Amino acid sequence: MTMIDQDIAARQRWLAVLAHAPRELLERHAAALPDDGFARLRAPEIGLTMVRARIGNRGDRFNVGDATVTRCVVRHRGLDGRLAAGVGIVLGRDEARAEWVARIDALLQQPEHHEALMRDVIAPLADETAKRRAAAAALTASSRVSFETLASEISA
């Protein structure tokens, strides 16, 4: 894997964490960000995207339906004059949240902010997302029905 591929993969990971972060936590982290050096390249805008799926995660894809998304693009000028474009795309109609994601993305691309943001923002948000997913999986598992077992119990 080349260095560029590694950078792209890392950015995809932190953007996924930011996109899945609950609004309250993202708002708290965004409030602590520096407010200078940003310019909007694309103001937050609401649109639609097609959601695709596969039955049982196998087979051909099919269109499930449309989902509302909000996107925003900002530019940040770092301390050394380096420019970074941050992109925020979130599910739903939350313009502020899309801009927070874009701002954090832009700052994460600046060397002077990267390490601190990974430690203080991305890691806690990733942990919170993992906890929420584990809780949802446990709730789902507690109500799972095994039809093979059910059939053998009925016939017995």
Protein backbone atom coordinates (compact mmCIF):
# COMPACT_ATOMS: atom_id res chain seq x y z
CA MET A 1 0.00 0.00 0.00
CA THR A 2 1.47 3.35 -1.01
CA MET A 3 1.69 6.37 1.26
CA ILE A 4 -1.12 8.07 -0.67
CA ASP A 5 -3.34 4.99 -0.26
CA GLN A 6 -2.61 4.99 3.48
CA ASP A 7 -3.51 8.68 3.74
CA ILE A 8 -6.76 8.10 1.85
CA ALA A 9 -7.66 5.11 4.05
CA ALA A 10 -6.92 7.10 7.22
CA ARG A 11 -9.08 9.98 6.03
CA GLN A 12 -11.91 7.60 5.13
CA ARG A 13 -11.74 6.15 8.66
CA TRP A 14 -11.90 9.52 10.43
CA LEU A 15 -14.67 10.78 8.12
CA ALA A 16 -16.71 7.64 8.90
CA VAL A 17 -16.22 8.24 12.63
CA LEU A 18 -17.31 11.87 12.28
CA ALA A 19 -20.31 11.02 10.09
CA HIS A 20 -21.58 8.46 12.63
CA ALA A 21 -20.94 10.61 15.71
CA PRO A 22 -24.00 11.71 17.70
CA ARG A 23 -24.84 15.38 17.27
CA GLU A 24 -24.34 16.25 20.95
CA LEU A 25 -20.80 14.83 21.08
CA LEU A 26 -19.83 16.36 17.75
CA GLU A 27 -21.17 19.75 18.85
CA ARG A 28 -19.16 19.62 22.07
CA HIS A 29 -15.93 18.81 20.21
CA ALA A 30 -16.63 21.39 17.48
CA ALA A 31 -17.14 24.14 20.07
CA ALA A 32 -13.51 23.72 21.17
CA LEU A 33 -12.12 24.13 17.63
CA PRO A 34 -10.30 27.24 16.45
CA ASP A 35 -12.66 29.47 14.46
CA ASP A 36 -10.15 31.32 12.30
CA GLY A 37 -8.67 30.39 8.94
CA PHE A 38 -11.86 28.85 7.53
CA ALA A 39 -13.69 29.79 4.34
CA ARG A 40 -16.77 28.08 2.94
CA LEU A 41 -16.20 26.59 -0.49
CA ARG A 42 -19.68 25.08 -0.55
CA ALA A 43 -22.19 26.20 2.04
CA PRO A 44 -24.17 23.41 3.71
CA GLU A 45 -26.76 22.07 1.29
CA ILE A 46 -29.37 19.38 1.56
CA GLY A 47 -29.89 16.76 -1.13
CA LEU A 48 -30.80 13.15 -1.79
CA THR A 49 -28.76 10.04 -2.32
CA MET A 50 -29.87 6.60 -3.45
CA VAL A 51 -29.51 3.90 -0.79
CA ARG A 52 -28.52 0.52 -2.21
CA ALA A 53 -28.55 -2.88 -0.50
CA ARG A 54 -28.19 -6.61 -1.03
CA ILE A 55 -30.49 -9.28 0.34
CA GLY A 56 -28.55 -11.05 3.08
CA ASN A 57 -25.40 -9.13 2.02
CA ARG A 58 -25.23 -11.37 -1.06
CA GLY A 59 -26.41 -11.22 -4.63
CA ASP A 60 -27.14 -8.28 -6.84
CA ARG A 61 -27.62 -4.83 -5.43
CA PHE A 62 -31.00 -3.16 -5.53
CA ASN A 63 -32.22 0.36 -4.79
CA VAL A 64 -33.88 0.58 -1.38
CA GLY A 65 -34.89 4.22 -1.66
CA ASP A 66 -33.69 7.77 -1.21
CA ALA A 67 -32.07 9.23 1.88
CA THR A 68 -31.62 12.89 2.75
CA VAL A 69 -28.01 14.00 3.19
CA THR A 70 -26.36 17.32 3.97
CA ARG A 71 -22.93 18.24 2.66
CA CYS A 72 -20.53 21.10 3.22
CA VAL A 73 -17.01 21.92 2.01
CA VAL A 74 -14.66 24.33 3.78
CA ARG A 75 -11.09 25.45 3.22
CA HIS A 76 -8.65 26.01 6.06
CA ARG A 77 -5.39 27.92 5.89
CA GLY A 78 -2.91 26.45 8.36
CA LEU A 79 -0.25 28.30 10.33
CA ASP A 80 2.31 27.64 7.60
CA GLY A 81 -0.07 28.80 4.84
CA ARG A 82 -0.95 25.25 3.78
CA LEU A 83 -4.49 24.91 2.45
CA ALA A 84 -6.73 21.95 3.22
CA ALA A 85 -10.26 21.29 1.99
CA GLY A 86 -12.54 19.63 4.51
CA VAL A 87 -15.65 17.74 3.44
CA GLY A 88 -18.65 16.97 5.60
CA ILE A 89 -21.44 14.66 4.46
CA VAL A 90 -23.99 13.51 7.03
CA LEU A 91 -27.26 11.62 6.87
CA GLY A 92 -30.24 13.88 7.49
CA ARG A 93 -30.88 17.61 7.27
CA ASP A 94 -28.43 18.94 9.88
CA GLU A 95 -26.47 21.78 8.25
CA ALA A 96 -24.46 22.65 11.37
CA ARG A 97 -23.36 19.04 11.80
CA ALA A 98 -22.16 18.83 8.18
CA GLU A 99 -20.11 21.99 8.68
CA TRP A 100 -18.59 20.68 11.93
CA VAL A 101 -17.51 17.50 10.15
CA ALA A 102 -16.01 19.55 7.30
CA ARG A 103 -14.09 21.80 9.72
CA ILE A 104 -12.70 18.88 11.71
CA ASP A 105 -11.74 17.11 8.46
CA ALA A 106 -9.87 20.21 7.26
CA LEU A 107 -8.04 20.57 10.58
CA LEU A 108 -7.10 16.89 10.62
CA GLN A 109 -5.23 17.48 7.36
CA GLN A 110 -3.11 20.20 8.98
CA PRO A 111 0.02 18.82 10.67
CA GLU A 112 -0.24 21.22 13.63
CA HIS A 113 -3.71 19.91 14.58
CA HIS A 114 -3.68 16.29 13.40
CA GLU A 115 -2.27 14.44 16.41
CA ALA A 116 -4.30 16.33 19.02
CA LEU A 117 -7.55 15.92 17.10
CA MET A 118 -6.97 12.21 16.54
CA ARG A 119 -6.37 11.76 20.28
CA ASP A 120 -8.99 14.16 21.67
CA VAL A 121 -11.79 13.95 19.09
CA ILE A 122 -11.59 10.94 16.77
CA ALA A 123 -10.56 8.30 19.34
CA PRO A 124 -13.33 9.18 21.85
CA LEU A 125 -15.94 9.41 19.09
CA ALA A 126 -14.84 6.03 17.68
CA ASP A 127 -15.08 4.48 21.16
CA GLU A 128 -18.56 5.92 21.65
CA THR A 129 -19.70 4.62 18.27
CA ALA A 130 -18.32 1.15 19.05
CA LYS A 131 -20.19 1.13 22.39
CA ARG A 132 -23.46 2.16 20.71
CA ARG A 133 -23.07 -0.51 18.04
CA ALA A 134 -22.27 -3.19 20.64
CA ALA A 135 -25.35 -2.22 22.66
CA ALA A 136 -27.54 -2.35 19.54
CA ALA A 137 -26.06 -5.74 18.57
CA ALA A 138 -26.71 -7.11 22.07
CA LEU A 139 -30.31 -5.89 21.95
CA THR A 140 -30.79 -7.47 18.54
CA ALA A 141 -29.16 -10.74 19.64
CA SER A 142 -31.45 -10.96 22.67
CA SER A 143 -34.51 -11.05 20.42
CA ARG A 144 -33.10 -13.27 17.67
CA VAL A 145 -35.18 -16.32 16.80
CA SER A 146 -33.58 -19.48 15.45
CA PHE A 147 -36.22 -20.92 13.16
CA GLU A 148 -34.42 -24.28 12.93
CA THR A 149 -34.53 -24.67 16.71
CA LEU A 150 -38.11 -23.42 16.79
CA ALA A 151 -39.19 -25.99 14.19
CA SER A 152 -37.61 -28.87 16.14
CA GLU A 153 -39.25 -27.70 19.39
CA ILE A 154 -42.66 -27.51 17.74
CA SER A 155 -42.40 -30.99 16.21
CA ALA A 156 -41.18 -32.55 19.48
